[in-house]
Every structure is written in C-alpha cells, then in structure tokens.
Amino acid sequence: MLSMVSDGYKLEKAKKIHKFRGTEDLLERVMEMEEPIVYFDPDVDGIISGLFVAEWLKKLGKKFKWYINTNREHGWTLPYNRVSGKDVIAVDFIIESWRMVELTDIGCNVVSMDHHENGDNFIEVESDHGTRGVVINNQYAFEDEDSRYLSGAGVVFESICNADPEFNTLTNRALVGITLLSDIR
C-alpha cells in the first residue's frame, strides 16, 4: 500500500495552508536575490527549515550559500562585514526590527521566516538605498490564532506553499511534523 502514495501526492482534505503577511510577494523577493545566504538555526527545526528553503531555491534554479551558527548558538551571530551587500534568507530565529534596519542599511535584502514571539508590529523595512527586509512570523497578533502552534519549519513550509503550491507534499508535511515533536522538548 505504501508504494501507492508518492511524494507528489496531495491530500484531498489537507489541513489549511495559512497565508502570513509578508508572503504575498515572497516569490518576487526571492527571485530578485542574487545568490542568497540561507541562514539556518542550529537545531532540528532550524535545519529542516533551512533545508526547505535550500530545496525550493534549487527548484527555482537559484544558486545559494548557507550558514549555520557554531556551538548550537541561536540567533544572529554573523558579523555584518561578512554579509554586507548580500541577500539573506534567515529561518527559525528572531530578527528584531532594529537588526532588520541595520541589515538593510548595510545593503542586505533579507527575508526572515520564524515562529518565535517578536512583538506585535509587522517588521518590514526599506533602506534609503532600496534594500528591503521582512519578517514573516505566525506569532504576530494579527495572524490567525490557529497558526500559533506551527514550528519554524511549519512557517517556512506554509510560506513557500503560498508561493509554490507544488511544495505541499506528504514528505514535506511529515518533516514539519518532526519539527513539532523536536520543539516541544
């Protein structure tokens, strides 16, 4: 029986895919990026979140680099001189509004997809020279209450699914489930 279900199979009554604020132009933002750095958080949720982005970028034909913090340290630790002028897709860790302003001011275009509480004000900035940053997050007060349980990978998965419905596979859903188990520890 298992062989009858392929990775591309979609459930007829699959759970709702949430449309988070900031995802309306996600594909456009990503396609404008030149060889983005995918910035993973160093835990199960962060690794799967980053792998989702990497797989999607490969599907889109985009070259990318990746970075994971050492010593399982969470949050932004990259020195600004290593990312100045580069594009960044950060997953499963907080990027505060002040940091987003600093990153766009040094020439970074940034997309952050996260599930940690980071205030109620939507974070979207544009620098004086046109670089942009956005934080897509299911914990904003204006987001659907029924999305609050999502892991970081859940937010990344559902954000990508809004831009690319083919990303909604059973395998990807199963991976999101693993991250939910890892985050409740």
N, C-alpha and C. Protein backbone atom coordinates (compact mmCIF):
# COMPACT_ATOMS: atom_id res chain seq x y z
N MET A 1 0.80 -1.19 0.00
CA MET A 1 0.00 0.00 0.00
C MET A 1 0.85 1.27 0.00
N LEU A 2 1.93 1.28 0.74
CA LEU A 2 2.75 2.48 0.83
C LEU A 2 3.28 2.90 -0.53
N SER A 3 3.58 1.95 -1.42
CA SER A 3 4.11 2.30 -2.73
C SER A 3 3.10 3.05 -3.58
N MET A 4 1.83 3.02 -3.21
CA MET A 4 0.80 3.72 -3.98
C MET A 4 0.78 5.22 -3.67
N VAL A 5 1.45 5.63 -2.63
CA VAL A 5 1.48 7.04 -2.26
C VAL A 5 2.84 7.61 -2.64
N SER A 6 2.85 8.54 -3.57
CA SER A 6 4.11 9.14 -3.98
C SER A 6 4.31 10.46 -3.25
N ASP A 7 5.54 10.96 -3.34
CA ASP A 7 5.86 12.22 -2.68
C ASP A 7 5.01 13.37 -3.21
N GLY A 8 4.66 13.32 -4.47
CA GLY A 8 3.90 14.39 -5.08
C GLY A 8 2.40 14.32 -4.79
N TYR A 9 1.94 13.26 -4.16
CA TYR A 9 0.52 13.09 -3.87
C TYR A 9 0.05 14.14 -2.88
N LYS A 10 -1.08 14.72 -3.17
CA LYS A 10 -1.64 15.74 -2.29
C LYS A 10 -2.92 15.21 -1.66
N LEU A 11 -3.09 15.43 -0.40
CA LEU A 11 -4.31 15.01 0.28
C LEU A 11 -5.47 15.87 -0.17
N GLU A 12 -6.62 15.22 -0.45
CA GLU A 12 -7.81 15.96 -0.86
C GLU A 12 -8.26 16.93 0.21
N LYS A 13 -8.23 16.52 1.46
CA LYS A 13 -8.70 17.36 2.56
C LYS A 13 -7.53 17.75 3.46
N ALA A 14 -6.45 18.20 2.83
CA ALA A 14 -5.27 18.58 3.60
C ALA A 14 -5.58 19.78 4.48
N LYS A 15 -4.85 19.87 5.57
CA LYS A 15 -5.03 20.98 6.51
C LYS A 15 -4.79 22.31 5.79
N LYS A 16 -5.42 23.31 6.31
CA LYS A 16 -5.34 24.67 5.76
C LYS A 16 -3.89 25.13 5.69
N ILE A 17 -3.57 25.81 4.61
CA ILE A 17 -2.28 26.50 4.50
C ILE A 17 -2.55 27.96 4.84
N HIS A 18 -1.89 28.45 5.88
CA HIS A 18 -2.08 29.84 6.30
C HIS A 18 -1.35 30.77 5.35
N LYS A 19 -1.90 31.92 5.13
CA LYS A 19 -1.26 32.95 4.31
C LYS A 19 -0.81 34.07 5.25
N PHE A 20 0.45 34.04 5.59
CA PHE A 20 1.00 35.03 6.51
C PHE A 20 1.30 36.34 5.79
N ARG A 21 1.16 37.42 6.53
CA ARG A 21 1.53 38.72 5.98
C ARG A 21 3.02 38.69 5.64
N GLY A 22 3.35 39.17 4.48
CA GLY A 22 4.74 39.15 4.01
C GLY A 22 4.97 38.10 2.94
N THR A 23 4.03 37.15 2.81
CA THR A 23 4.21 36.10 1.79
C THR A 23 3.67 36.50 0.43
N GLU A 24 2.90 37.60 0.38
CA GLU A 24 2.26 37.97 -0.88
C GLU A 24 3.27 38.24 -2.00
N ASP A 25 4.48 38.66 -1.67
CA ASP A 25 5.49 38.89 -2.70
C ASP A 25 6.77 38.09 -2.42
N LEU A 26 6.63 36.98 -1.71
CA LEU A 26 7.80 36.17 -1.35
C LEU A 26 8.55 35.67 -2.59
N LEU A 27 7.84 35.12 -3.55
CA LEU A 27 8.50 34.61 -4.75
C LEU A 27 9.25 35.73 -5.47
N GLU A 28 8.62 36.87 -5.60
CA GLU A 28 9.28 38.02 -6.25
C GLU A 28 10.54 38.43 -5.50
N ARG A 29 10.46 38.52 -4.18
CA ARG A 29 11.63 38.90 -3.38
C ARG A 29 12.78 37.91 -3.57
N VAL A 30 12.43 36.62 -3.53
CA VAL A 30 13.46 35.58 -3.65
C VAL A 30 14.07 35.58 -5.06
N MET A 31 13.26 35.76 -6.08
CA MET A 31 13.77 35.75 -7.45
C MET A 31 14.69 36.95 -7.70
N GLU A 32 14.49 38.05 -6.98
CA GLU A 32 15.35 39.22 -7.13
C GLU A 32 16.69 39.05 -6.42
N MET A 33 16.79 38.08 -5.53
CA MET A 33 18.02 37.88 -4.76
C MET A 33 19.10 37.25 -5.63
N GLU A 34 20.33 37.73 -5.42
CA GLU A 34 21.48 37.16 -6.12
C GLU A 34 22.27 36.30 -5.15
N GLU A 35 22.27 35.01 -5.39
CA GLU A 35 22.99 34.02 -4.57
C GLU A 35 22.82 34.29 -3.07
N PRO A 36 21.58 34.15 -2.59
CA PRO A 36 21.33 34.43 -1.17
C PRO A 36 22.07 33.47 -0.24
N ILE A 37 22.28 33.94 0.97
CA ILE A 37 22.79 33.10 2.04
C ILE A 37 21.57 32.57 2.79
N VAL A 38 21.45 31.25 2.90
CA VAL A 38 20.38 30.66 3.70
C VAL A 38 20.96 30.48 5.10
N TYR A 39 20.40 31.18 6.06
CA TYR A 39 20.92 31.21 7.42
C TYR A 39 20.06 30.31 8.29
N PHE A 40 20.58 29.12 8.60
CA PHE A 40 19.89 28.09 9.38
C PHE A 40 20.07 28.36 10.87
N ASP A 41 19.09 27.98 11.67
CA ASP A 41 19.25 27.91 13.12
C ASP A 41 19.75 26.49 13.43
N PRO A 42 20.62 26.30 14.41
CA PRO A 42 21.28 25.01 14.61
C PRO A 42 20.52 24.02 15.50
N ASP A 43 19.26 23.77 15.19
CA ASP A 43 18.53 22.70 15.87
C ASP A 43 17.69 21.98 14.82
N VAL A 44 16.96 20.94 15.19
CA VAL A 44 16.20 20.15 14.23
C VAL A 44 15.24 21.04 13.43
N ASP A 45 14.51 21.90 14.12
CA ASP A 45 13.56 22.79 13.46
C ASP A 45 14.28 23.72 12.49
N GLY A 46 15.37 24.29 12.91
CA GLY A 46 16.12 25.21 12.05
C GLY A 46 16.76 24.53 10.86
N ILE A 47 17.26 23.31 11.07
CA ILE A 47 17.90 22.58 9.96
C ILE A 47 16.86 22.23 8.90
N ILE A 48 15.71 21.71 9.32
CA ILE A 48 14.67 21.37 8.35
C ILE A 48 14.12 22.63 7.69
N SER A 49 13.97 23.72 8.45
CA SER A 49 13.55 24.99 7.86
C SER A 49 14.51 25.42 6.75
N GLY A 50 15.80 25.37 7.05
CA GLY A 50 16.81 25.75 6.07
C GLY A 50 16.84 24.81 4.87
N LEU A 51 16.64 23.52 5.12
CA LEU A 51 16.59 22.57 4.00
C LEU A 51 15.40 22.84 3.09
N PHE A 52 14.27 23.22 3.68
CA PHE A 52 13.11 23.60 2.86
C PHE A 52 13.49 24.75 1.92
N VAL A 53 14.12 25.78 2.46
CA VAL A 53 14.50 26.93 1.64
C VAL A 53 15.51 26.50 0.57
N ALA A 54 16.51 25.71 0.96
CA ALA A 54 17.53 25.26 0.01
C ALA A 54 16.90 24.44 -1.13
N GLU A 55 16.00 23.54 -0.80
CA GLU A 55 15.33 22.74 -1.83
C GLU A 55 14.49 23.61 -2.75
N TRP A 56 13.81 24.59 -2.19
CA TRP A 56 12.99 25.49 -3.01
C TRP A 56 13.88 26.33 -3.93
N LEU A 57 15.00 26.84 -3.39
CA LEU A 57 15.91 27.63 -4.22
C LEU A 57 16.47 26.78 -5.37
N LYS A 58 16.80 25.52 -5.09
CA LYS A 58 17.28 24.63 -6.15
C LYS A 58 16.21 24.47 -7.22
N LYS A 59 14.97 24.26 -6.80
CA LYS A 59 13.86 24.11 -7.74
C LYS A 59 13.71 25.36 -8.61
N LEU A 60 13.93 26.52 -8.01
CA LEU A 60 13.83 27.79 -8.74
C LEU A 60 15.06 28.07 -9.61
N GLY A 61 16.08 27.21 -9.50
CA GLY A 61 17.30 27.41 -10.28
C GLY A 61 18.21 28.48 -9.71
N LYS A 62 18.06 28.78 -8.42
CA LYS A 62 18.86 29.82 -7.78
C LYS A 62 20.09 29.21 -7.10
N LYS A 63 21.24 29.83 -7.31
CA LYS A 63 22.44 29.47 -6.56
C LYS A 63 22.33 30.11 -5.19
N PHE A 64 22.91 29.45 -4.19
CA PHE A 64 22.86 29.98 -2.83
C PHE A 64 24.05 29.47 -2.04
N LYS A 65 24.29 30.12 -0.94
CA LYS A 65 25.26 29.67 0.06
C LYS A 65 24.47 29.44 1.33
N TRP A 66 25.08 28.80 2.30
CA TRP A 66 24.37 28.57 3.56
C TRP A 66 25.33 28.76 4.72
N TYR A 67 24.71 29.02 5.87
CA TYR A 67 25.46 29.22 7.09
C TYR A 67 24.65 28.70 8.27
N ILE A 68 25.33 28.03 9.19
CA ILE A 68 24.72 27.58 10.46
C ILE A 68 25.65 28.04 11.58
N ASN A 69 25.08 28.63 12.62
CA ASN A 69 25.88 29.05 13.77
C ASN A 69 26.62 27.86 14.36
N THR A 70 27.80 28.12 14.88
CA THR A 70 28.57 27.08 15.55
C THR A 70 28.12 26.96 17.01
N ASN A 71 28.50 25.87 17.62
CA ASN A 71 28.23 25.63 19.04
C ASN A 71 26.75 25.73 19.41
N ARG A 72 25.88 25.41 18.47
CA ARG A 72 24.43 25.42 18.68
C ARG A 72 23.90 26.75 19.22
N GLU A 73 24.61 27.83 18.92
CA GLU A 73 24.18 29.16 19.37
C GLU A 73 23.02 29.64 18.49
N HIS A 74 21.97 30.14 19.13
CA HIS A 74 20.79 30.60 18.42
C HIS A 74 20.86 32.10 18.17
N GLY A 75 20.19 32.54 17.12
CA GLY A 75 20.11 33.96 16.81
C GLY A 75 21.16 34.40 15.81
N TRP A 76 21.14 35.69 15.50
CA TRP A 76 22.06 36.26 14.52
C TRP A 76 23.43 36.40 15.16
N THR A 77 24.44 35.74 14.60
CA THR A 77 25.80 35.86 15.11
C THR A 77 26.81 36.23 14.03
N LEU A 78 26.38 36.25 12.78
CA LEU A 78 27.30 36.60 11.69
C LEU A 78 27.73 38.06 11.80
N PRO A 79 29.02 38.32 11.70
CA PRO A 79 29.47 39.72 11.68
C PRO A 79 28.93 40.41 10.43
N TYR A 80 28.53 41.65 10.58
CA TYR A 80 27.94 42.39 9.46
C TYR A 80 28.89 42.48 8.27
N ASN A 81 30.19 42.55 8.51
CA ASN A 81 31.12 42.67 7.38
C ASN A 81 31.11 41.42 6.48
N ARG A 82 30.61 40.30 6.98
CA ARG A 82 30.53 39.08 6.17
C ARG A 82 29.26 39.03 5.33
N VAL A 83 28.26 39.86 5.66
CA VAL A 83 27.00 39.84 4.90
C VAL A 83 26.71 41.15 4.20
N SER A 84 27.50 42.17 4.43
CA SER A 84 27.26 43.48 3.84
C SER A 84 27.08 43.35 2.32
N GLY A 85 25.97 43.89 1.82
CA GLY A 85 25.69 43.85 0.40
C GLY A 85 25.15 42.53 -0.12
N LYS A 86 24.92 41.58 0.75
CA LYS A 86 24.43 40.26 0.33
C LYS A 86 22.95 40.09 0.68
N ASP A 87 22.33 39.13 0.03
CA ASP A 87 20.95 38.78 0.30
C ASP A 87 20.91 37.62 1.28
N VAL A 88 19.95 37.64 2.20
CA VAL A 88 19.88 36.64 3.27
C VAL A 88 18.44 36.14 3.42
N ILE A 89 18.30 34.82 3.53
CA ILE A 89 17.04 34.21 3.94
C ILE A 89 17.31 33.51 5.25
N ALA A 90 16.75 34.04 6.33
CA ALA A 90 17.00 33.53 7.68
C ALA A 90 15.78 32.75 8.16
N VAL A 91 16.03 31.61 8.82
CA VAL A 91 14.92 30.78 9.26
C VAL A 91 15.06 30.36 10.72
N ASP A 92 13.93 30.36 11.41
CA ASP A 92 13.77 29.81 12.75
C ASP A 92 14.55 30.53 13.85
N PHE A 93 14.80 31.83 13.68
CA PHE A 93 15.32 32.62 14.79
C PHE A 93 14.89 34.07 14.61
N ILE A 94 14.83 34.77 15.71
CA ILE A 94 14.32 36.13 15.74
C ILE A 94 15.28 37.10 15.05
N ILE A 95 14.71 37.94 14.21
CA ILE A 95 15.42 39.13 13.72
C ILE A 95 14.54 40.31 14.14
N GLU A 96 15.02 41.05 15.11
CA GLU A 96 14.28 42.19 15.64
C GLU A 96 14.26 43.32 14.62
N SER A 97 13.33 44.26 14.81
CA SER A 97 13.19 45.37 13.86
C SER A 97 14.48 46.20 13.78
N TRP A 98 15.14 46.45 14.91
CA TRP A 98 16.37 47.24 14.89
C TRP A 98 17.45 46.55 14.07
N ARG A 99 17.53 45.22 14.17
CA ARG A 99 18.54 44.49 13.39
C ARG A 99 18.19 44.52 11.91
N MET A 100 16.89 44.41 11.59
CA MET A 100 16.49 44.46 10.19
C MET A 100 16.86 45.81 9.57
N VAL A 101 16.69 46.88 10.34
CA VAL A 101 17.08 48.21 9.86
C VAL A 101 18.59 48.23 9.60
N GLU A 102 19.38 47.72 10.55
CA GLU A 102 20.84 47.70 10.37
C GLU A 102 21.24 46.87 9.15
N LEU A 103 20.61 45.71 8.97
CA LEU A 103 20.96 44.85 7.84
C LEU A 103 20.62 45.49 6.50
N THR A 104 19.45 46.11 6.40
CA THR A 104 19.10 46.76 5.13
C THR A 104 19.99 47.99 4.91
N ASP A 105 20.39 48.67 5.98
CA ASP A 105 21.27 49.83 5.84
C ASP A 105 22.65 49.45 5.32
N ILE A 106 23.10 48.20 5.56
CA ILE A 106 24.41 47.77 5.04
C ILE A 106 24.25 47.05 3.70
N GLY A 107 23.07 47.18 3.09
CA GLY A 107 22.88 46.68 1.73
C GLY A 107 22.35 45.27 1.60
N CYS A 108 21.78 44.73 2.67
CA CYS A 108 21.22 43.38 2.61
C CYS A 108 19.73 43.43 2.29
N ASN A 109 19.31 42.55 1.40
CA ASN A 109 17.89 42.22 1.26
C ASN A 109 17.68 41.00 2.13
N VAL A 110 16.68 41.04 3.01
CA VAL A 110 16.51 39.97 3.99
C VAL A 110 15.06 39.50 4.01
N VAL A 111 14.89 38.18 4.00
CA VAL A 111 13.60 37.55 4.29
C VAL A 111 13.84 36.66 5.50
N SER A 112 13.07 36.89 6.54
CA SER A 112 13.14 36.07 7.75
C SER A 112 11.80 35.36 7.91
N MET A 113 11.85 34.05 8.14
CA MET A 113 10.64 33.27 8.42
C MET A 113 10.84 32.60 9.77
N ASP A 114 9.95 32.90 10.72
CA ASP A 114 10.19 32.49 12.10
C ASP A 114 8.87 32.24 12.82
N HIS A 115 8.97 31.63 14.01
CA HIS A 115 7.79 31.34 14.83
C HIS A 115 7.97 31.76 16.29
N HIS A 116 9.00 32.50 16.59
CA HIS A 116 9.22 32.97 17.96
C HIS A 116 8.55 34.33 18.14
N GLU A 117 8.08 34.60 19.35
CA GLU A 117 7.43 35.88 19.62
C GLU A 117 8.44 37.01 19.43
N ASN A 118 8.04 37.99 18.63
CA ASN A 118 8.94 39.07 18.25
C ASN A 118 8.19 40.40 18.22
N GLY A 119 7.19 40.54 19.09
CA GLY A 119 6.39 41.76 19.13
C GLY A 119 5.19 41.66 18.21
N ASP A 120 4.29 42.63 18.33
CA ASP A 120 3.06 42.61 17.55
C ASP A 120 3.12 43.47 16.29
N ASN A 121 4.16 44.27 16.14
CA ASN A 121 4.27 45.14 14.97
C ASN A 121 4.96 44.41 13.83
N PHE A 122 4.29 44.41 12.68
CA PHE A 122 4.85 43.78 11.48
C PHE A 122 6.18 44.43 11.14
N ILE A 123 7.19 43.60 10.88
CA ILE A 123 8.52 44.11 10.57
C ILE A 123 8.73 44.03 9.06
N GLU A 124 8.76 45.19 8.46
CA GLU A 124 9.07 45.33 7.03
C GLU A 124 9.74 46.68 6.87
N VAL A 125 10.96 46.68 6.34
CA VAL A 125 11.71 47.92 6.21
C VAL A 125 12.30 48.03 4.81
N GLU A 126 12.54 49.27 4.42
CA GLU A 126 13.27 49.56 3.19
C GLU A 126 14.28 50.65 3.50
N SER A 127 15.52 50.40 3.11
CA SER A 127 16.57 51.38 3.39
C SER A 127 16.50 52.54 2.41
N ASP A 128 17.27 53.57 2.68
CA ASP A 128 17.33 54.74 1.79
C ASP A 128 17.84 54.37 0.40
N HIS A 129 18.64 53.30 0.31
CA HIS A 129 19.17 52.90 -0.99
C HIS A 129 18.41 51.70 -1.60
N GLY A 130 17.23 51.37 -1.05
CA GLY A 130 16.33 50.42 -1.71
C GLY A 130 16.39 48.97 -1.28
N THR A 131 17.30 48.62 -0.37
CA THR A 131 17.29 47.22 0.09
C THR A 131 16.14 47.04 1.07
N ARG A 132 15.56 45.81 1.03
CA ARG A 132 14.34 45.57 1.80
C ARG A 132 14.50 44.37 2.73
N GLY A 133 13.75 44.41 3.82
CA GLY A 133 13.72 43.30 4.75
C GLY A 133 12.31 43.07 5.26
N VAL A 134 11.97 41.80 5.50
CA VAL A 134 10.65 41.46 6.02
C VAL A 134 10.80 40.28 6.98
N VAL A 135 9.99 40.30 8.04
CA VAL A 135 9.91 39.17 8.96
C VAL A 135 8.51 38.58 8.84
N ILE A 136 8.45 37.36 8.31
CA ILE A 136 7.20 36.59 8.22
C ILE A 136 7.15 35.76 9.50
N ASN A 137 6.06 35.92 10.27
CA ASN A 137 6.02 35.27 11.58
C ASN A 137 4.56 34.96 11.95
N ASN A 138 4.32 33.74 12.38
CA ASN A 138 2.95 33.33 12.76
C ASN A 138 2.53 33.84 14.13
N GLN A 139 3.41 34.45 14.88
CA GLN A 139 3.10 34.91 16.23
C GLN A 139 2.61 36.36 16.29
N TYR A 140 2.62 37.06 15.17
CA TYR A 140 2.06 38.41 15.18
C TYR A 140 0.60 38.32 15.64
N ALA A 141 0.14 39.31 16.39
CA ALA A 141 -1.23 39.31 16.92
C ALA A 141 -2.28 39.28 15.82
N PHE A 142 -1.97 39.80 14.65
CA PHE A 142 -2.95 39.84 13.56
C PHE A 142 -3.03 38.55 12.76
N GLU A 143 -2.13 37.59 13.01
CA GLU A 143 -2.17 36.31 12.28
C GLU A 143 -3.24 35.40 12.88
N ASP A 144 -3.71 34.44 12.08
CA ASP A 144 -4.74 33.51 12.54
C ASP A 144 -4.31 32.81 13.82
N GLU A 145 -5.21 32.81 14.78
CA GLU A 145 -4.94 32.15 16.07
C GLU A 145 -4.60 30.67 15.87
N ASP A 146 -5.21 30.02 14.88
CA ASP A 146 -4.97 28.59 14.69
C ASP A 146 -3.62 28.28 14.03
N SER A 147 -2.82 29.31 13.77
CA SER A 147 -1.47 29.07 13.23
C SER A 147 -0.40 29.15 14.32
N ARG A 148 -0.77 29.48 15.54
CA ARG A 148 0.20 29.71 16.61
C ARG A 148 1.06 28.49 16.96
N TYR A 149 0.54 27.30 16.72
CA TYR A 149 1.24 26.08 17.10
C TYR A 149 2.40 25.74 16.16
N LEU A 150 2.48 26.36 15.00
CA LEU A 150 3.46 25.97 13.99
C LEU A 150 4.90 26.12 14.47
N SER A 151 5.72 25.18 14.06
CA SER A 151 7.16 25.28 14.27
C SER A 151 7.73 26.27 13.26
N GLY A 152 9.02 26.54 13.37
CA GLY A 152 9.67 27.38 12.36
C GLY A 152 9.56 26.76 10.99
N ALA A 153 9.78 25.45 10.91
CA ALA A 153 9.66 24.75 9.62
C ALA A 153 8.23 24.82 9.11
N GLY A 154 7.25 24.83 10.02
CA GLY A 154 5.86 24.97 9.61
C GLY A 154 5.61 26.32 8.96
N VAL A 155 6.16 27.37 9.53
CA VAL A 155 6.02 28.71 8.96
C VAL A 155 6.71 28.77 7.60
N VAL A 156 7.92 28.21 7.50
CA VAL A 156 8.65 28.20 6.23
C VAL A 156 7.87 27.39 5.19
N PHE A 157 7.42 26.19 5.57
CA PHE A 157 6.67 25.32 4.66
C PHE A 157 5.43 26.03 4.13
N GLU A 158 4.63 26.60 5.03
CA GLU A 158 3.39 27.23 4.59
C GLU A 158 3.66 28.51 3.80
N SER A 159 4.73 29.22 4.12
CA SER A 159 5.09 30.42 3.35
C SER A 159 5.49 30.02 1.93
N ILE A 160 6.31 28.99 1.81
CA ILE A 160 6.72 28.54 0.47
C ILE A 160 5.51 28.00 -0.30
N CYS A 161 4.64 27.26 0.39
CA CYS A 161 3.44 26.71 -0.29
C CYS A 161 2.58 27.82 -0.87
N ASN A 162 2.52 28.98 -0.23
CA ASN A 162 1.77 30.11 -0.78
C ASN A 162 2.37 30.60 -2.09
N ALA A 163 3.69 30.53 -2.20
CA ALA A 163 4.38 30.96 -3.41
C ALA A 163 4.48 29.84 -4.45
N ASP A 164 4.48 28.59 -3.98
CA ASP A 164 4.68 27.43 -4.86
C ASP A 164 3.86 26.26 -4.32
N PRO A 165 2.59 26.13 -4.74
CA PRO A 165 1.72 25.07 -4.21
C PRO A 165 2.27 23.65 -4.39
N GLU A 166 3.17 23.43 -5.34
CA GLU A 166 3.76 22.10 -5.53
C GLU A 166 4.65 21.69 -4.37
N PHE A 167 5.01 22.63 -3.52
CA PHE A 167 5.84 22.32 -2.35
C PHE A 167 5.05 21.56 -1.28
N ASN A 168 3.73 21.56 -1.41
CA ASN A 168 2.85 20.92 -0.43
C ASN A 168 2.78 19.41 -0.70
N THR A 169 3.81 18.69 -0.23
CA THR A 169 3.85 17.24 -0.41
C THR A 169 3.73 16.54 0.94
N LEU A 170 3.42 15.26 0.88
CA LEU A 170 3.33 14.47 2.11
C LEU A 170 4.67 14.41 2.83
N THR A 171 5.76 14.29 2.08
CA THR A 171 7.08 14.24 2.71
C THR A 171 7.37 15.54 3.46
N ASN A 172 7.09 16.67 2.83
CA ASN A 172 7.34 17.95 3.50
C ASN A 172 6.45 18.12 4.72
N ARG A 173 5.20 17.67 4.62
CA ARG A 173 4.31 17.73 5.79
C ARG A 173 4.85 16.86 6.93
N ALA A 174 5.36 15.68 6.58
CA ALA A 174 5.92 14.78 7.60
C ALA A 174 7.13 15.43 8.28
N LEU A 175 7.96 16.10 7.50
CA LEU A 175 9.13 16.77 8.07
C LEU A 175 8.69 17.89 9.03
N VAL A 176 7.64 18.61 8.68
CA VAL A 176 7.11 19.62 9.61
C VAL A 176 6.67 18.95 10.91
N GLY A 177 6.04 17.80 10.80
CA GLY A 177 5.61 17.07 11.99
C GLY A 177 6.78 16.71 12.90
N ILE A 178 7.89 16.32 12.32
CA ILE A 178 9.09 16.01 13.11
C ILE A 178 9.55 17.25 13.88
N THR A 179 9.48 18.41 13.23
CA THR A 179 9.94 19.62 13.90
C THR A 179 9.02 20.00 15.06
N LEU A 180 7.74 19.71 14.92
CA LEU A 180 6.82 19.97 16.05
C LEU A 180 7.21 19.11 17.24
N LEU A 181 7.57 17.86 16.99
CA LEU A 181 8.00 16.98 18.09
C LEU A 181 9.30 17.48 18.71
N SER A 182 10.22 17.94 17.89
CA SER A 182 11.51 18.39 18.42
C SER A 182 11.38 19.68 19.22
N ASP A 183 10.44 20.55 18.83
CA ASP A 183 10.30 21.83 19.53
C ASP A 183 9.57 21.73 20.87
N ILE A 184 8.85 20.64 21.11
CA ILE A 184 8.12 20.55 22.39
C ILE A 184 8.98 20.00 23.52
N ARG A 185 10.19 19.59 23.21
CA ARG A 185 11.06 19.00 24.21
C ARG A 185 11.21 19.93 25.35
